[in-house]
Protein backbone atom coordinates (compact mmCIF):
# COMPACT_ATOMS: atom_id res chain seq x y z
CA MET A 1 -26.07 -24.07 62.91
CA LYS A 2 -22.38 -23.95 62.13
CA ASN A 3 -22.68 -27.13 60.04
CA LYS A 4 -25.57 -25.64 58.05
CA THR A 5 -23.58 -22.47 57.42
CA PHE A 6 -20.56 -24.49 56.34
CA ARG A 7 -22.65 -26.62 53.97
CA LEU A 8 -24.28 -23.49 52.53
CA ARG A 9 -20.90 -21.86 51.89
CA ALA A 10 -19.61 -25.06 50.29
CA ILE A 11 -22.63 -25.25 48.00
CA MET A 12 -22.23 -21.59 47.03
CA SER A 13 -18.52 -22.10 46.32
CA ILE A 14 -19.22 -25.09 44.11
CA ALA A 15 -21.96 -23.21 42.29
CA ALA A 16 -19.59 -20.28 41.72
CA LEU A 17 -16.89 -22.64 40.43
CA ILE A 18 -19.35 -24.26 38.03
CA LEU A 19 -20.45 -20.81 36.79
CA VAL A 20 -16.88 -19.62 36.23
CA THR A 21 -15.94 -22.86 34.47
CA SER A 22 -19.00 -22.57 32.24
CA LEU A 23 -18.12 -18.99 31.32
CA LEU A 24 -14.53 -19.93 30.49
CA LEU A 25 -15.69 -22.82 28.33
CA ASN A 26 -18.13 -20.58 26.50
CA ILE A 27 -15.41 -17.97 25.90
CA GLY A 28 -13.07 -20.69 24.63
CA CYS A 29 -15.74 -22.07 22.33
CA THR A 30 -16.54 -18.60 21.03
CA ARG A 31 -12.88 -17.88 20.32
CA ARG A 32 -12.46 -21.21 18.56
CA ALA A 33 -15.58 -20.47 16.51
CA GLU A 34 -14.25 -17.04 15.55
CA SER A 35 -10.75 -18.26 14.68
CA VAL A 36 -10.01 -19.19 11.09
CA SER A 37 -8.18 -22.26 9.90
CA ILE A 38 -4.87 -21.09 8.44
CA LYS A 39 -4.35 -22.61 5.01
CA GLY A 40 -0.82 -21.38 4.41
CA LYS A 41 1.09 -18.34 3.21
CA ILE A 42 1.38 -16.36 0.02
CA THR A 43 4.15 -13.98 -0.99
CA LEU A 44 3.00 -10.52 -2.03
CA ALA A 45 5.45 -8.27 -3.86
CA THR A 46 4.21 -4.70 -3.69
CA THR A 47 5.25 -1.09 -3.81
CA THR A 48 6.47 0.70 -0.70
CA SER A 49 3.56 3.14 -0.85
CA THR A 50 1.02 0.46 0.08
CA GLN A 51 3.10 -0.32 3.16
CA ASP A 52 4.24 3.21 4.11
CA SER A 53 0.67 4.48 3.86
CA GLY A 54 -0.52 1.84 6.34
CA LEU A 55 -3.01 0.38 3.85
CA LEU A 56 -1.66 -3.17 4.07
CA ASP A 57 -1.80 -3.15 7.86
CA PHE A 58 -5.45 -2.18 7.48
CA LEU A 59 -6.39 -4.75 4.82
CA LEU A 60 -4.33 -7.89 5.35
CA PRO A 61 -5.63 -8.96 8.80
CA GLU A 62 -9.15 -8.90 7.36
CA PHE A 63 -8.03 -10.86 4.30
CA THR A 64 -6.48 -13.55 6.52
CA LYS A 65 -9.54 -13.63 8.76
CA GLN A 66 -11.87 -14.15 5.81
CA THR A 67 -9.80 -16.52 3.65
CA GLY A 68 -7.35 -18.30 5.95
CA TRP A 69 -4.33 -17.20 3.91
CA GLU A 70 -1.50 -15.34 5.62
CA VAL A 71 0.63 -12.90 3.61
CA ASP A 72 4.39 -12.38 3.56
CA VAL A 73 4.88 -8.84 2.23
CA ILE A 74 7.94 -7.75 0.28
CA ALA A 75 7.68 -3.97 -0.24
CA VAL A 76 9.94 -2.68 -3.00
CA GLY A 77 9.53 -0.43 -6.01
CA SER A 78 7.02 -1.50 -8.65
CA GLY A 79 9.84 -2.27 -11.09
CA ALA A 80 11.50 -4.57 -8.58
CA ALA A 81 8.16 -6.18 -7.74
CA LEU A 82 7.54 -6.90 -11.42
CA ARG A 83 11.01 -8.43 -11.71
CA MET A 84 10.21 -10.65 -8.73
CA GLY A 85 7.09 -11.78 -10.57
CA ARG A 86 9.08 -12.53 -13.72
CA ASP A 87 11.54 -14.56 -11.67
CA GLY A 88 8.83 -16.45 -9.80
CA ASP A 89 9.82 -14.97 -6.44
CA ALA A 90 6.26 -13.91 -5.59
CA ASP A 91 2.79 -15.37 -5.96
CA VAL A 92 0.93 -12.13 -6.50
CA LEU A 93 1.75 -8.46 -7.15
CA LEU A 94 0.12 -5.20 -6.07
CA VAL A 95 1.84 -2.40 -7.97
CA HIS A 96 1.30 0.96 -9.66
CA ALA A 97 2.92 1.05 -13.07
CA ARG A 98 -0.05 0.36 -15.32
CA ASN A 99 1.69 0.27 -18.71
CA ASP A 100 4.39 -2.03 -17.38
CA GLU A 101 1.77 -4.21 -15.70
CA LEU A 102 -0.13 -4.63 -18.95
CA GLN A 103 3.12 -5.54 -20.73
CA PHE A 104 3.92 -8.00 -17.92
CA VAL A 105 0.67 -9.85 -18.61
CA ALA A 106 1.02 -9.56 -22.40
CA ASP A 107 4.46 -11.17 -22.14
CA GLY A 108 2.93 -14.11 -20.26
CA TYR A 109 4.45 -13.45 -16.84
CA GLY A 110 1.08 -12.72 -15.27
CA SER A 111 -2.04 -14.81 -15.81
CA VAL A 112 -4.55 -12.15 -14.76
CA ARG A 113 -4.60 -8.45 -13.85
CA TYR A 114 -7.32 -6.31 -12.32
CA ASP A 115 -7.61 -2.63 -11.53
CA VAL A 116 -7.87 -2.21 -7.75
CA MET A 117 -7.69 1.47 -6.79
CA TYR A 118 -6.04 4.78 -7.50
CA ASN A 119 -4.84 7.89 -5.76
CA ASP A 120 -2.60 10.62 -7.12
CA PHE A 121 0.91 11.95 -7.17
CA LEU A 122 1.90 15.46 -6.25
CA ILE A 123 5.08 17.52 -6.16
CA VAL A 124 5.92 18.68 -2.66
CA GLY A 125 8.56 21.01 -1.24
CA SER A 126 9.49 23.16 1.72
CA ASP A 127 9.45 26.47 -0.18
CA VAL A 128 6.04 27.55 -1.44
CA ASN A 129 7.23 31.08 -2.19
CA THR A 130 9.67 30.23 -4.98
CA ILE A 131 7.08 28.07 -6.75
CA PRO A 132 3.50 28.95 -5.78
CA HIS A 133 0.88 26.21 -5.45
CA ASN A 134 -0.44 25.24 -8.90
CA ASP A 135 -1.77 22.42 -11.08
CA ASN A 136 0.68 22.72 -13.99
CA VAL A 137 3.09 19.80 -13.62
CA LEU A 138 5.32 20.46 -16.61
CA GLN A 139 5.71 24.15 -15.79
CA THR A 140 6.55 23.26 -12.18
CA LEU A 141 9.32 20.91 -13.26
CA GLN A 142 10.67 23.45 -15.73
CA ASN A 143 10.75 26.05 -12.94
CA ILE A 144 12.66 23.66 -10.67
CA ALA A 145 15.18 23.02 -13.44
CA SER A 146 15.64 26.64 -14.50
CA GLY A 147 15.98 27.77 -10.89
CA ASN A 148 18.59 25.10 -10.08
CA LEU A 149 16.39 24.04 -7.17
CA SER A 150 17.08 20.84 -5.24
CA PHE A 151 15.06 17.79 -6.24
CA VAL A 152 15.22 14.35 -4.62
CA SER A 153 14.31 11.38 -6.81
CA ARG A 154 13.50 7.92 -5.49
CA GLY A 155 15.76 6.51 -8.18
CA ASP A 156 14.61 2.97 -7.40
CA ASP A 157 12.75 1.97 -10.58
CA SER A 158 9.46 2.18 -8.67
CA GLY A 159 6.16 3.24 -10.17
CA THR A 160 6.72 6.69 -8.68
CA HIS A 161 10.22 6.89 -10.14
CA ARG A 162 8.98 5.81 -13.57
CA MET A 163 6.23 8.43 -13.43
CA GLU A 164 8.79 11.07 -12.47
CA ILE A 165 11.01 10.16 -15.45
CA THR A 166 8.02 10.39 -17.78
CA LEU A 167 7.08 13.82 -16.44
CA TRP A 168 10.64 15.22 -16.76
CA ARG A 169 10.77 14.02 -20.36
CA SER A 170 7.39 15.57 -21.10
CA ALA A 171 8.71 18.83 -19.62
CA GLY A 172 11.72 18.67 -21.94
CA VAL A 173 14.21 18.46 -19.06
CA ASP A 174 17.28 16.21 -19.00
CA THR A 175 17.87 15.40 -15.32
CA ALA A 176 21.46 14.38 -16.12
CA VAL A 177 22.41 18.06 -16.43
CA LEU A 178 20.64 19.22 -13.27
CA ARG A 179 23.22 20.21 -10.63
CA ASN A 180 20.91 19.78 -7.64
CA TYR A 181 19.19 16.55 -8.66
CA SER A 182 19.72 13.66 -6.20
CA SER A 183 18.81 10.06 -7.04
CA VAL A 184 18.73 8.24 -3.69
CA GLY A 185 17.51 4.71 -4.45
CA GLN A 186 15.07 4.71 -1.51
CA GLY A 187 11.42 3.99 -0.83
CA MET A 188 8.81 6.73 -0.65
CA GLY A 189 8.97 7.31 3.10
CA SER A 190 12.74 7.66 3.19
CA THR A 191 12.76 9.85 0.08
CA LEU A 192 10.25 12.24 1.61
CA GLN A 193 12.24 12.52 4.81
CA MET A 194 15.46 13.18 2.86
CA ALA A 195 13.72 15.86 0.77
CA ASP A 196 12.44 17.44 3.97
CA GLU A 197 15.92 17.51 5.51
CA MET A 198 17.44 18.93 2.32
CA GLN A 199 14.61 21.47 1.85
CA ALA A 200 14.16 20.04 -1.62
CA TYR A 201 11.29 19.08 -3.90
CA THR A 202 10.15 15.56 -4.74
CA LEU A 203 7.34 13.60 -6.40
CA THR A 204 5.26 11.54 -3.99
CA ASP A 205 2.04 9.60 -3.77
CA ARG A 206 -0.51 11.47 -1.69
CA ALA A 207 -1.17 8.72 0.88
CA THR A 208 2.44 8.38 2.09
CA TRP A 209 2.87 12.17 2.21
CA LEU A 210 -0.27 12.60 4.32
CA ILE A 211 0.70 9.84 6.74
CA LEU A 212 4.21 11.22 7.34
CA ARG A 213 2.90 14.75 7.78
CA LYS A 214 0.38 13.55 10.34
CA GLU A 215 3.12 11.66 12.19
CA GLY A 216 5.21 14.85 12.27
CA LYS A 217 8.06 13.29 10.32
CA ILE A 218 7.99 15.86 7.49
CA SER A 219 6.69 19.36 6.90
CA LEU A 220 6.77 19.35 3.10
CA GLN A 221 3.87 21.21 1.50
CA ALA A 222 1.96 20.54 -1.71
CA ILE A 223 3.41 22.55 -4.59
CA CYS A 224 1.71 20.98 -7.60
CA GLU A 225 -1.36 18.72 -7.48
CA ASN A 226 -4.74 17.83 -8.97
CA ALA A 227 -3.48 17.48 -12.53
CA PRO A 228 -4.76 14.65 -14.78
CA GLU A 229 -1.17 13.56 -15.45
CA LEU A 230 -0.72 12.80 -11.76
CA LEU A 231 -3.32 10.06 -11.37
CA ASN A 232 -1.77 6.94 -9.87
CA TYR A 233 -3.39 3.59 -10.69
CA TYR A 234 -2.79 0.32 -8.81
CA GLY A 235 -3.30 -3.18 -10.19
CA VAL A 236 -3.24 -6.69 -8.72
CA ILE A 237 -1.62 -9.46 -10.78
CA LEU A 238 -1.46 -13.22 -10.31
CA VAL A 239 1.95 -14.55 -11.36
CA ASN A 240 1.63 -17.13 -14.12
CA PRO A 241 1.98 -20.65 -12.64
CA GLN A 242 2.63 -22.08 -16.10
CA LEU A 243 6.04 -20.40 -15.99
CA HIS A 244 6.69 -21.10 -12.31
CA SER A 245 5.06 -24.28 -11.04
CA HIS A 246 5.76 -23.42 -7.39
CA VAL A 247 3.51 -20.37 -7.47
CA ASN A 248 0.74 -20.63 -4.87
CA VAL A 249 -2.17 -20.48 -7.29
CA GLU A 250 -4.88 -21.10 -4.70
CA GLY A 251 -3.63 -18.47 -2.26
CA GLY A 252 -2.70 -15.97 -4.96
CA SER A 253 -6.07 -16.33 -6.65
CA ALA A 254 -7.80 -15.85 -3.31
CA PHE A 255 -5.91 -12.58 -2.83
CA VAL A 256 -6.75 -11.31 -6.31
CA GLU A 257 -10.43 -12.20 -5.94
CA TRP A 258 -10.61 -10.65 -2.46
CA MET A 259 -8.96 -7.37 -3.52
CA VAL A 260 -11.61 -6.77 -6.19
CA SER A 261 -14.48 -7.97 -4.00
CA ASP A 262 -17.07 -5.59 -2.60
CA THR A 263 -15.68 -6.22 0.90
CA ALA A 264 -12.13 -5.12 0.08
CA GLN A 265 -13.28 -2.26 -2.13
CA GLN A 266 -15.40 -0.87 0.71
CA LEU A 267 -12.48 -1.17 3.13
CA ILE A 268 -10.22 0.70 0.68
CA GLU A 269 -12.85 3.40 0.37
CA GLN A 270 -12.99 3.76 4.18
CA TYR A 271 -9.24 3.94 4.76
CA GLY A 272 -8.23 7.42 5.88
CA LEU A 273 -11.75 8.80 6.34
CA GLU A 274 -11.54 9.03 10.12
CA GLU A 275 -8.01 10.43 10.32
CA PHE A 276 -7.94 12.68 7.26
CA GLY A 277 -11.57 13.36 6.48
CA GLY A 278 -11.16 11.71 3.09
CA ALA A 279 -10.09 8.37 1.67
CA LEU A 280 -6.40 7.95 0.79
CA PHE A 281 -7.26 5.61 -2.09
CA THR A 282 -10.25 5.40 -4.43
CA PRO A 283 -11.41 1.85 -5.27
CA ASN A 284 -11.95 1.23 -8.97
CA ALA A 285 -12.25 -2.53 -9.46
CA ASN A 286 -15.06 -3.57 -11.74
CA ASN A 287 -14.27 -7.29 -11.79
CA GLN A 288 -13.03 -7.19 -15.38
CA VAL A 289 -9.61 -8.30 -16.49
CA ARG A 290 -7.39 -5.47 -17.62
């Protein structure tokens, strides 16, 4: 009887071992089937807003999963990103300075450009009593200037900084004579936090402002928004390999094509819905060169 019991236990143990081994092999095979073959890396020069808003963390893992290309991100101002493209220090650009982007391509530095998405800028501040909430951008800037109110500028030649300069000029204000105007040479996240600490005003993209408010890093409120002048367009550009032979054409082209694909456009449209009840960016690619 004892021998039968022993043999039965041995058989059951072996059967259990075979079952476990089979399960592990199946899991391993499934994981290998799901994994993607990595083809290499591309260098993406982009604006700090795409990183500070969390959009890249949302998009890039899916891009790598679907295409096999990994992405090294260099987040700087749009002006600096465009200079990197001119110098051949990036394979592809994702920036928001549309006029400069179009000139970049016209000058031969970029071989193709597509619209990808847009959001908007707004002027934010800690004091909503001095300047009530409104949609008149030029009047808001004139009020800041005439009231000698503190304003923090990114001052980094980014798309946001270039937009700010354009708006001040349109308002007829020379920032060089403003006593409380601070040019800090920082990205959007740092600029917002400095403006918050200084109880000042600043121009920001909506996505980064919303993210930092949700994280409790700033308490700045919207002062001026929803004006046509504040729309903020993003484009994706492949750096011209005819000028820089080392540009990763295959990987860069894959990124450009993926960003304007239905898959990426749907992901962009979804980003922010769950946390904020509305998308932080609006996709606007129509698969035509701009």
